[in-house]
Protein backbone atom coordinates (compact mmCIF):
# COMPACT_ATOMS: atom_id res chain seq x y z
CA MET A 1 246.96 -10.74 -90.95
CA GLU A 2 245.14 -9.14 -88.07
CA GLN A 3 245.35 -5.76 -89.77
CA VAL A 4 243.83 -7.22 -92.95
CA GLN A 5 240.95 -8.68 -90.95
CA GLU A 6 240.40 -5.33 -89.24
CA GLU A 7 240.37 -3.59 -92.63
CA MET A 8 237.86 -6.14 -93.92
CA LYS A 9 235.63 -5.56 -90.89
CA ASP A 10 235.85 -1.81 -91.47
CA LEU A 11 234.93 -2.28 -95.13
CA ILE A 12 231.98 -4.48 -94.16
CA ARG A 13 230.80 -1.90 -91.59
CA ALA A 14 231.13 0.87 -94.16
CA GLY A 15 229.23 -1.23 -96.71
CA LYS A 16 226.47 -1.94 -94.19
CA GLU A 17 226.20 1.76 -93.30
CA GLU A 18 226.13 2.72 -96.96
CA MET A 19 223.39 0.14 -97.59
CA ARG A 20 221.40 1.36 -94.55
CA VAL A 21 221.56 4.96 -95.76
CA HIS A 22 220.57 3.90 -99.28
CA VAL A 23 217.58 1.89 -97.99
CA ALA A 24 216.54 4.76 -95.70
CA ASN A 25 216.65 7.16 -98.67
CA GLN A 26 214.61 4.76 -100.80
CA VAL A 27 212.03 4.37 -98.02
CA GLU A 28 211.81 8.15 -97.63
CA GLY A 29 211.29 8.54 -101.38
CA ILE A 30 208.51 5.95 -101.36
CA LYS A 31 206.86 7.67 -98.37
CA ASP A 32 206.96 11.00 -100.22
CA HIS A 33 205.44 9.39 -103.31
CA VAL A 34 202.67 7.73 -101.28
CA ASP A 35 201.93 10.99 -99.44
CA GLY A 36 201.66 12.77 -102.79
CA CYS A 37 199.26 10.13 -104.10
CA ILE A 38 197.15 10.37 -100.95
CA GLY A 39 197.05 14.16 -101.31
CA ARG A 40 195.86 13.91 -104.91
CA MET A 41 193.22 11.36 -103.92
CA GLU A 42 191.97 13.62 -101.12
CA GLU A 43 191.72 16.53 -103.57
CA GLU A 44 189.78 14.30 -105.97
CA VAL A 45 187.42 13.22 -103.17
CA GLN A 46 186.81 16.84 -102.20
CA GLY A 47 186.04 17.67 -105.84
CA VAL A 48 183.55 14.82 -106.08
CA LYS A 49 181.94 15.85 -102.78
CA GLY A 50 181.56 19.38 -104.15
CA LYS A 51 179.89 18.08 -107.30
CA ILE A 52 177.57 15.90 -105.22
CA GLU A 53 176.54 18.94 -103.18
CA GLU A 54 175.89 20.91 -106.39
CA VAL A 55 173.69 18.15 -107.78
CA LYS A 56 171.95 17.71 -104.44
CA THR A 57 171.14 21.43 -104.31
CA GLU A 58 169.92 21.37 -107.92
CA VAL A 59 167.69 18.35 -107.24
CA GLN A 60 166.26 19.98 -104.11
CA GLU A 61 165.49 23.15 -106.08
CA LYS A 62 163.75 21.15 -108.80
CA MET A 63 161.77 19.16 -106.23
CA SER A 64 160.68 22.37 -104.52
CA ASP A 65 159.64 23.82 -107.87
CA LEU A 66 157.64 20.69 -108.73
CA GLU A 67 156.00 20.66 -105.30
CA ARG A 68 155.05 24.32 -105.71
CA ARG A 69 153.65 23.70 -109.19
CA LEU A 70 151.69 20.68 -107.95
CA SER A 71 150.32 22.71 -105.06
CA ASP A 72 149.30 25.46 -107.50
CA LEU A 73 147.48 22.91 -109.62
CA GLU A 74 145.72 21.43 -106.59
CA THR A 75 144.54 24.80 -105.27
CA ARG A 76 143.52 26.26 -108.63
CA PRO A 77 139.74 26.16 -109.13
CA ASN A 78 138.57 23.87 -111.87
CA ASN A 79 136.46 26.32 -113.88
CA PHE A 80 137.08 24.71 -117.21
CA PRO A 81 134.05 23.25 -118.97
CA THR A 82 134.25 19.54 -119.54
CA ASN A 83 135.42 18.79 -123.04
CA PRO A 84 134.14 15.42 -124.30
CA GLU A 85 137.25 15.11 -126.43
CA PHE A 86 139.34 14.72 -123.28
CA MET A 87 136.90 12.57 -121.34
CA TYR A 88 137.76 8.94 -120.86
CA SER A 89 135.01 6.59 -121.86
CA ARG A 90 135.09 2.91 -121.10
CA PRO A 91 134.82 0.82 -124.20
CA THR A 92 131.93 -1.59 -124.29
CA VAL A 93 132.85 -5.23 -124.13
CA LYS A 94 131.39 -7.31 -126.90
CA PRO A 95 131.04 -11.05 -126.44
CA LEU A 96 133.29 -13.22 -128.54
CA THR A 97 131.63 -15.56 -130.97
CA PHE A 98 133.07 -18.75 -132.36
CA ASP A 99 131.17 -20.47 -135.15
CA GLY A 100 128.07 -18.54 -134.25
CA GLN A 101 128.20 -19.42 -130.54
CA ASP A 102 128.74 -16.84 -127.84
CA SER A 103 131.58 -17.35 -125.39
CA VAL A 104 130.60 -17.77 -121.79
């Protein structure tokens, strides 16, 4: 009877050890998977950062170009004769009339 109990204890210990090893392997597999996901996310972030830098550089170049063009326009002498076609004239305001009476 005592030998049977000892064998049962040995089987239980072996089962526990087998379960511990299995759980440890599962945990290690999950860690590897998570590390892989984190690595892919970091690569994605670096790609997005690179694109942001490209756009930032492009915007800065365009702003510099616009500033230069504006400066050129500001410093260029205005030697063009005034063309009445492009002049803004204020329209005259006519009083409103209702039944022959002017509005006040």
